């Protein structure tokens, strides 16, 4: 078992990493690509969570207003449901999410891209679709947006490491004390782990 796959172990003193994104945002694509490399290089236990930026609005189809419209909200729900059904980081993040990012403009237009990405990694999409069309999918999105709003995060992609703002990618890297290269992020994560243990 790799160090990064112990994120479900409550006894582990893993370092929490949170990415706050919009599923159809090019900054998300850049940020998640960098973090896919960070996770391959980091040698300590981590937990990864991705939450979404939006505003509650009962007149919107999913009860949330997303910057890039209802298709983005659906894309957010697709990613959240996939993670709930297939919680292994290699499946939901490296496999599914990074695959969607290859054609991010088409995320949420329908289920075709999501089905294609699930097939690519050999996962059945039907349970994900059941999650999306149930109240569970909307609740996952609502909870995710509430988490984002609790930290007053508004920019995609905002990165928190060990519950602290670490960096933002909004057209370019900003507010990145400690640098923004892959090795800089790895250093921050490993340093946070060493302080905890």
C-alpha atoms as a PDB file:
ATOM      1  CA  UNK A   1       0.000   0.000   0.000  1.00  0.00           C
ATOM      2  CA  UNK A   2       1.419   3.383  -0.963  1.00  0.00           C
ATOM      3  CA  UNK A   3       1.723   6.188   1.589  1.00  0.00           C
ATOM      4  CA  UNK A   4      -0.889   8.239  -0.243  1.00  0.00           C
ATOM      5  CA  UNK A   5      -3.543   5.555  -0.182  1.00  0.00           C
ATOM      6  CA  UNK A   6      -4.028   5.555   3.597  1.00  0.00           C
ATOM      7  CA  UNK A   7      -6.311   8.588   3.480  1.00  0.00           C
ATOM      8  CA  UNK A   8      -9.274   6.639   4.904  1.00  0.00           C
ATOM      9  CA  UNK A   9      -7.350   5.549   8.025  1.00  0.00           C
ATOM     10  CA  UNK A  10      -8.502   7.714  10.960  1.00  0.00           C
ATOM     11  CA  UNK A  11      -5.521   6.570  13.054  1.00  0.00           C
ATOM     12  CA  UNK A  12      -3.049   7.894  10.518  1.00  0.00           C
ATOM     13  CA  UNK A  13      -1.640  11.349  11.130  1.00  0.00           C
ATOM     14  CA  UNK A  14      -1.988  12.136   7.460  1.00  0.00           C
ATOM     15  CA  UNK A  15      -1.582  15.627   6.058  1.00  0.00           C
ATOM     16  CA  UNK A  16      -4.863  16.999   4.682  1.00  0.00           C
ATOM     17  CA  UNK A  17      -4.735  18.516   1.203  1.00  0.00           C
ATOM     18  CA  UNK A  18      -7.785  20.343  -0.097  1.00  0.00           C
ATOM     19  CA  UNK A  19      -8.288  21.724  -3.580  1.00  0.00           C
ATOM     20  CA  UNK A  20     -11.163  24.162  -4.113  1.00  0.00           C
ATOM     21  CA  UNK A  21     -12.191  24.267  -7.751  1.00  0.00           C
ATOM     22  CA  UNK A  22     -14.790  24.708 -10.486  1.00  0.00           C
ATOM     23  CA  UNK A  23     -14.974  21.600 -12.673  1.00  0.00           C
ATOM     24  CA  UNK A  24     -14.956  23.531 -15.988  1.00  0.00           C
ATOM     25  CA  UNK A  25     -12.170  25.932 -15.045  1.00  0.00           C
ATOM     26  CA  UNK A  26      -8.770  25.780 -16.790  1.00  0.00           C
ATOM     27  CA  UNK A  27      -7.102  26.713 -13.484  1.00  0.00           C
ATOM     28  CA  UNK A  28      -8.519  23.505 -11.989  1.00  0.00           C
ATOM     29  CA  UNK A  29      -6.975  21.492 -14.815  1.00  0.00           C
ATOM     30  CA  UNK A  30      -3.544  23.057 -14.227  1.00  0.00           C
ATOM     31  CA  UNK A  31      -3.757  22.693 -10.460  1.00  0.00           C
ATOM     32  CA  UNK A  32      -4.928  19.074 -10.463  1.00  0.00           C
ATOM     33  CA  UNK A  33      -2.252  18.099 -12.981  1.00  0.00           C
ATOM     34  CA  UNK A  34       0.412  19.561 -10.675  1.00  0.00           C
ATOM     35  CA  UNK A  35      -1.064  17.757  -7.673  1.00  0.00           C
ATOM     36  CA  UNK A  36      -1.214  14.438  -9.510  1.00  0.00           C
ATOM     37  CA  UNK A  37       2.583  14.778  -9.752  1.00  0.00           C
ATOM     38  CA  UNK A  38       2.909  15.959  -6.148  1.00  0.00           C
ATOM     39  CA  UNK A  39       1.029  12.876  -4.922  1.00  0.00           C
ATOM     40  CA  UNK A  40       3.343  10.580  -6.877  1.00  0.00           C
ATOM     41  CA  UNK A  41       6.390  12.136  -5.189  1.00  0.00           C
ATOM     42  CA  UNK A  42       5.217  12.669  -1.629  1.00  0.00           C
ATOM     43  CA  UNK A  43       6.479  10.011   0.789  1.00  0.00           C
ATOM     44  CA  UNK A  44       4.175  10.596   3.771  1.00  0.00           C
ATOM     45  CA  UNK A  45       0.477   9.754   4.338  1.00  0.00           C
ATOM     46  CA  UNK A  46      -1.932  12.359   2.979  1.00  0.00           C
ATOM     47  CA  UNK A  47      -5.664  12.783   2.569  1.00  0.00           C
ATOM     48  CA  UNK A  48      -6.929  14.534  -0.541  1.00  0.00           C
ATOM     49  CA  UNK A  49     -10.271  16.277  -0.818  1.00  0.00           C
ATOM     50  CA  UNK A  50     -11.657  18.342  -3.669  1.00  0.00           C
ATOM     51  CA  UNK A  51     -14.468  20.804  -2.983  1.00  0.00           C
ATOM     52  CA  UNK A  52     -16.384  23.054  -5.311  1.00  0.00           C
ATOM     53  CA  UNK A  53     -17.068  26.765  -5.614  1.00  0.00           C
ATOM     54  CA  UNK A  54     -20.655  27.931  -6.010  1.00  0.00           C
ATOM     55  CA  UNK A  55     -23.491  29.811  -4.351  1.00  0.00           C
ATOM     56  CA  UNK A  56     -26.736  28.381  -3.003  1.00  0.00           C
ATOM     57  CA  UNK A  57     -29.633  29.364  -5.268  1.00  0.00           C
ATOM     58  CA  UNK A  58     -32.917  27.448  -5.061  1.00  0.00           C
ATOM     59  CA  UNK A  59     -33.937  28.543  -8.568  1.00  0.00           C
ATOM     60  CA  UNK A  60     -30.966  26.679 -10.123  1.00  0.00           C
ATOM     61  CA  UNK A  61     -31.470  23.058 -11.273  1.00  0.00           C
ATOM     62  CA  UNK A  62     -29.112  21.647  -8.612  1.00  0.00           C
ATOM     63  CA  UNK A  63     -29.818  24.265  -5.930  1.00  0.00           C
ATOM     64  CA  UNK A  64     -26.370  25.799  -6.524  1.00  0.00           C
ATOM     65  CA  UNK A  65     -25.272  28.533  -8.911  1.00  0.00           C
ATOM     66  CA  UNK A  66     -22.014  27.583 -10.623  1.00  0.00           C
ATOM     67  CA  UNK A  67     -19.920  30.161 -12.498  1.00  0.00           C
ATOM     68  CA  UNK A  68     -19.904  28.155 -15.731  1.00  0.00           C
ATOM     69  CA  UNK A  69     -23.609  27.271 -15.481  1.00  0.00           C
ATOM     70  CA  UNK A  70     -25.636  24.138 -14.697  1.00  0.00           C
ATOM     71  CA  UNK A  71     -23.319  21.916 -16.764  1.00  0.00           C
ATOM     72  CA  UNK A  72     -20.521  22.775 -14.347  1.00  0.00           C
ATOM     73  CA  UNK A  73     -22.748  21.904 -11.391  1.00  0.00           C
ATOM     74  CA  UNK A  74     -23.469  18.536 -13.031  1.00  0.00           C
ATOM     75  CA  UNK A  75     -19.742  18.025 -13.596  1.00  0.00           C
ATOM     76  CA  UNK A  76     -19.101  18.787  -9.926  1.00  0.00           C
ATOM     77  CA  UNK A  77     -21.733  16.216  -8.933  1.00  0.00           C
ATOM     78  CA  UNK A  78     -20.283  13.621 -11.332  1.00  0.00           C
ATOM     79  CA  UNK A  79     -16.888  14.003  -9.670  1.00  0.00           C
ATOM     80  CA  UNK A  80     -18.313  13.966  -6.127  1.00  0.00           C
ATOM     81  CA  UNK A  81     -20.458  10.878  -6.795  1.00  0.00           C
ATOM     82  CA  UNK A  82     -17.593   9.058  -8.467  1.00  0.00           C
ATOM     83  CA  UNK A  83     -15.424   9.704  -5.413  1.00  0.00           C
ATOM     84  CA  UNK A  84     -18.154   8.455  -3.083  1.00  0.00           C
ATOM     85  CA  UNK A  85     -18.629   5.221  -5.063  1.00  0.00           C
ATOM     86  CA  UNK A  86     -14.925   4.643  -5.804  1.00  0.00           C
ATOM     87  CA  UNK A  87     -13.025   6.274  -2.901  1.00  0.00           C
ATOM     88  CA  UNK A  88      -9.542   5.045  -3.846  1.00  0.00           C
ATOM     89  CA  UNK A  89      -7.486   8.081  -4.864  1.00  0.00           C
ATOM     90  CA  UNK A  90      -6.097   6.211  -7.887  1.00  0.00           C
ATOM     91  CA  UNK A  91      -9.668   5.738  -9.167  1.00  0.00           C
ATOM     92  CA  UNK A  92     -11.466   8.994  -8.415  1.00  0.00           C
ATOM     93  CA  UNK A  93      -8.584  11.437  -8.796  1.00  0.00           C
ATOM     94  CA  UNK A  94      -5.845   9.981 -11.002  1.00  0.00           C
ATOM     95  CA  UNK A  95      -8.263   7.946 -13.098  1.00  0.00           C
ATOM     96  CA  UNK A  96     -11.595   9.721 -13.394  1.00  0.00           C
ATOM     97  CA  UNK A  97     -10.995  13.398 -12.613  1.00  0.00           C
ATOM     98  CA  UNK A  98      -7.793  13.736 -14.635  1.00  0.00           C
ATOM     99  CA  UNK A  99      -9.504  11.999 -17.557  1.00  0.00           C
ATOM    100  CA  UNK A 100     -12.395  14.495 -17.433  1.00  0.00           C
ATOM    101  CA  UNK A 101      -9.858  17.327 -17.361  1.00  0.00           C
ATOM    102  CA  UNK A 102      -8.533  16.274 -20.768  1.00  0.00           C
ATOM    103  CA  UNK A 103     -11.795  17.599 -22.260  1.00  0.00           C
ATOM    104  CA  UNK A 104     -12.820  19.963 -19.475  1.00  0.00           C
ATOM    105  CA  UNK A 105     -14.980  22.171 -21.728  1.00  0.00           C
ATOM    106  CA  UNK A 106     -17.292  19.147 -22.216  1.00  0.00           C
ATOM    107  CA  UNK A 107     -17.617  18.309 -18.518  1.00  0.00           C
ATOM    108  CA  UNK A 108     -21.281  18.070 -17.511  1.00  0.00           C
ATOM    109  CA  UNK A 109     -22.666  18.608 -21.036  1.00  0.00           C
ATOM    110  CA  UNK A 110     -24.126  15.104 -20.624  1.00  0.00           C
ATOM    111  CA  UNK A 111     -22.831  11.821 -19.223  1.00  0.00           C
ATOM    112  CA  UNK A 112     -20.860  10.737 -22.320  1.00  0.00           C
ATOM    113  CA  UNK A 113     -17.463  12.047 -21.177  1.00  0.00           C
ATOM    114  CA  UNK A 114     -17.975  10.735 -17.640  1.00  0.00           C
ATOM    115  CA  UNK A 115     -18.990   7.283 -18.939  1.00  0.00           C
ATOM    116  CA  UNK A 116     -15.952   7.237 -21.243  1.00  0.00           C
ATOM    117  CA  UNK A 117     -13.621   8.107 -18.346  1.00  0.00           C
ATOM    118  CA  UNK A 118     -15.172   5.474 -16.075  1.00  0.00           C
ATOM    119  CA  UNK A 119     -14.763   2.853 -18.825  1.00  0.00           C
ATOM    120  CA  UNK A 120     -11.142   3.851 -19.352  1.00  0.00           C
ATOM    121  CA  UNK A 121     -10.324   2.760 -15.790  1.00  0.00           C
ATOM    122  CA  UNK A 122     -12.661  -0.241 -15.831  1.00  0.00           C
ATOM    123  CA  UNK A 123     -15.334   1.132 -13.488  1.00  0.00           C
ATOM    124  CA  UNK A 124     -19.099   0.685 -13.771  1.00  0.00           C
ATOM    125  CA  UNK A 125     -20.790   4.073 -14.193  1.00  0.00           C
ATOM    126  CA  UNK A 126     -24.320   2.919 -13.245  1.00  0.00           C
ATOM    127  CA  UNK A 127     -23.886   3.383  -9.461  1.00  0.00           C
ATOM    128  CA  UNK A 128     -22.408   6.827 -10.123  1.00  0.00           C
ATOM    129  CA  UNK A 129     -25.399   7.718 -12.296  1.00  0.00           C
ATOM    130  CA  UNK A 130     -27.739   6.523  -9.535  1.00  0.00           C
ATOM    131  CA  UNK A 131     -25.962   8.859  -7.108  1.00  0.00           C
ATOM    132  CA  UNK A 132     -26.189  11.790  -9.549  1.00  0.00           C
ATOM    133  CA  UNK A 133     -29.924  11.391 -10.165  1.00  0.00           C
ATOM    134  CA  UNK A 134     -30.753  10.918  -6.480  1.00  0.00           C
ATOM    135  CA  UNK A 135     -30.932  13.535  -3.776  1.00  0.00           C
ATOM    136  CA  UNK A 136     -27.563  12.216  -2.638  1.00  0.00           C
ATOM    137  CA  UNK A 137     -25.783  13.909  -5.552  1.00  0.00           C
ATOM    138  CA  UNK A 138     -27.324  17.295  -4.790  1.00  0.00           C
ATOM    139  CA  UNK A 139     -26.517  16.860  -1.088  1.00  0.00           C
ATOM    140  CA  UNK A 140     -22.882  16.066  -1.891  1.00  0.00           C
ATOM    141  CA  UNK A 141     -22.657  19.271  -3.935  1.00  0.00           C
ATOM    142  CA  UNK A 142     -24.393  21.329  -1.241  1.00  0.00           C
ATOM    143  CA  UNK A 143     -22.057  19.993   1.461  1.00  0.00           C
ATOM    144  CA  UNK A 144     -19.026  20.628  -0.750  1.00  0.00           C
ATOM    145  CA  UNK A 145     -20.039  24.233  -1.481  1.00  0.00           C
ATOM    146  CA  UNK A 146     -20.716  24.801   2.220  1.00  0.00           C
ATOM    147  CA  UNK A 147     -17.184  23.607   3.040  1.00  0.00           C
ATOM    148  CA  UNK A 148     -15.763  26.005   0.448  1.00  0.00           C
ATOM    149  CA  UNK A 149     -17.840  28.917   1.741  1.00  0.00           C
ATOM    150  CA  UNK A 150     -16.827  28.169   5.351  1.00  0.00           C
ATOM    151  CA  UNK A 151     -13.281  29.175   4.362  1.00  0.00           C
ATOM    152  CA  UNK A 152     -14.421  32.128   2.210  1.00  0.00           C
ATOM    153  CA  UNK A 153     -12.730  30.551  -0.815  1.00  0.00           C
ATOM    154  CA  UNK A 154     -13.791  32.165  -4.105  1.00  0.00           C
ATOM    155  CA  UNK A 155     -10.975  31.395  -6.557  1.00  0.00           C
ATOM    156  CA  UNK A 156     -10.456  28.209  -8.545  1.00  0.00           C
ATOM    157  CA  UNK A 157      -8.011  26.647  -7.835  1.00  0.00           C
ATOM    158  CA  UNK A 158      -7.292  27.369  -4.162  1.00  0.00           C
ATOM    159  CA  UNK A 159      -4.976  24.954  -2.359  1.00  0.00           C
ATOM    160  CA  UNK A 160      -4.988  24.267   1.370  1.00  0.00           C
ATOM    161  CA  UNK A 161      -2.310  22.063   2.915  1.00  0.00           C
ATOM    162  CA  UNK A 162      -2.617  21.063   6.576  1.00  0.00           C
ATOM    163  CA  UNK A 163      -5.665  23.344   6.950  1.00  0.00           C
ATOM    164  CA  UNK A 164      -3.750  26.446   5.829  1.00  0.00           C
ATOM    165  CA  UNK A 165      -3.980  28.438   2.606  1.00  0.00           C
ATOM    166  CA  UNK A 166      -0.927  27.416   0.614  1.00  0.00           C
ATOM    167  CA  UNK A 167      -1.446  28.725  -2.918  1.00  0.00           C
ATOM    168  CA  UNK A 168      -3.932  29.878  -5.575  1.00  0.00           C
ATOM    169  CA  UNK A 169      -3.831  29.280  -9.321  1.00  0.00           C
ATOM    170  CA  UNK A 170      -5.994  31.966 -10.938  1.00  0.00           C
ATOM    171  CA  UNK A 171      -4.507  32.598 -14.368  1.00  0.00           C
ATOM    172  CA  UNK A 172      -1.105  32.223 -12.707  1.00  0.00           C
ATOM    173  CA  UNK A 173       0.261  31.133  -9.329  1.00  0.00           C
ATOM    174  CA  UNK A 174      -0.558  33.634  -6.544  1.00  0.00           C
ATOM    175  CA  UNK A 175      -0.164  33.874  -2.757  1.00  0.00           C
ATOM    176  CA  UNK A 176       2.272  30.960  -2.826  1.00  0.00           C
ATOM    177  CA  UNK A 177       4.550  31.489   0.168  1.00  0.00           C
ATOM    178  CA  UNK A 178       6.911  28.560  -0.051  1.00  0.00           C
ATOM    179  CA  UNK A 179       6.864  28.394  -3.855  1.00  0.00           C
ATOM    180  CA  UNK A 180       4.673  26.666  -6.414  1.00  0.00           C
ATOM    181  CA  UNK A 181       6.758  23.943  -8.006  1.00  0.00           C
ATOM    182  CA  UNK A 182       5.974  20.277  -7.482  1.00  0.00           C
ATOM    183  CA  UNK A 183       8.965  19.929  -5.156  1.00  0.00           C
ATOM    184  CA  UNK A 184       7.850  23.016  -3.184  1.00  0.00           C
ATOM    185  CA  UNK A 185       4.445  21.441  -2.514  1.00  0.00           C
ATOM    186  CA  UNK A 186       6.047  18.090  -1.634  1.00  0.00           C
ATOM    187  CA  UNK A 187       8.338  19.898   0.843  1.00  0.00           C
ATOM    188  CA  UNK A 188       5.369  21.661   2.492  1.00  0.00           C
ATOM    189  CA  UNK A 189       3.461  18.386   2.878  1.00  0.00           C
ATOM    190  CA  UNK A 190       6.415  16.458   4.277  1.00  0.00           C
ATOM    191  CA  UNK A 191       7.310  19.280   6.647  1.00  0.00           C
ATOM    192  CA  UNK A 192       3.704  19.375   7.921  1.00  0.00           C
ATOM    193  CA  UNK A 193       3.795  15.615   8.483  1.00  0.00           C
ATOM    194  CA  UNK A 194       7.073  15.791  10.382  1.00  0.00           C
ATOM    195  CA  UNK A 195       5.621  18.466  12.691  1.00  0.00           C
ATOM    196  CA  UNK A 196       2.634  16.213  13.496  1.00  0.00           C
ATOM    197  CA  UNK A 197       4.685  13.093  14.208  1.00  0.00           C
END
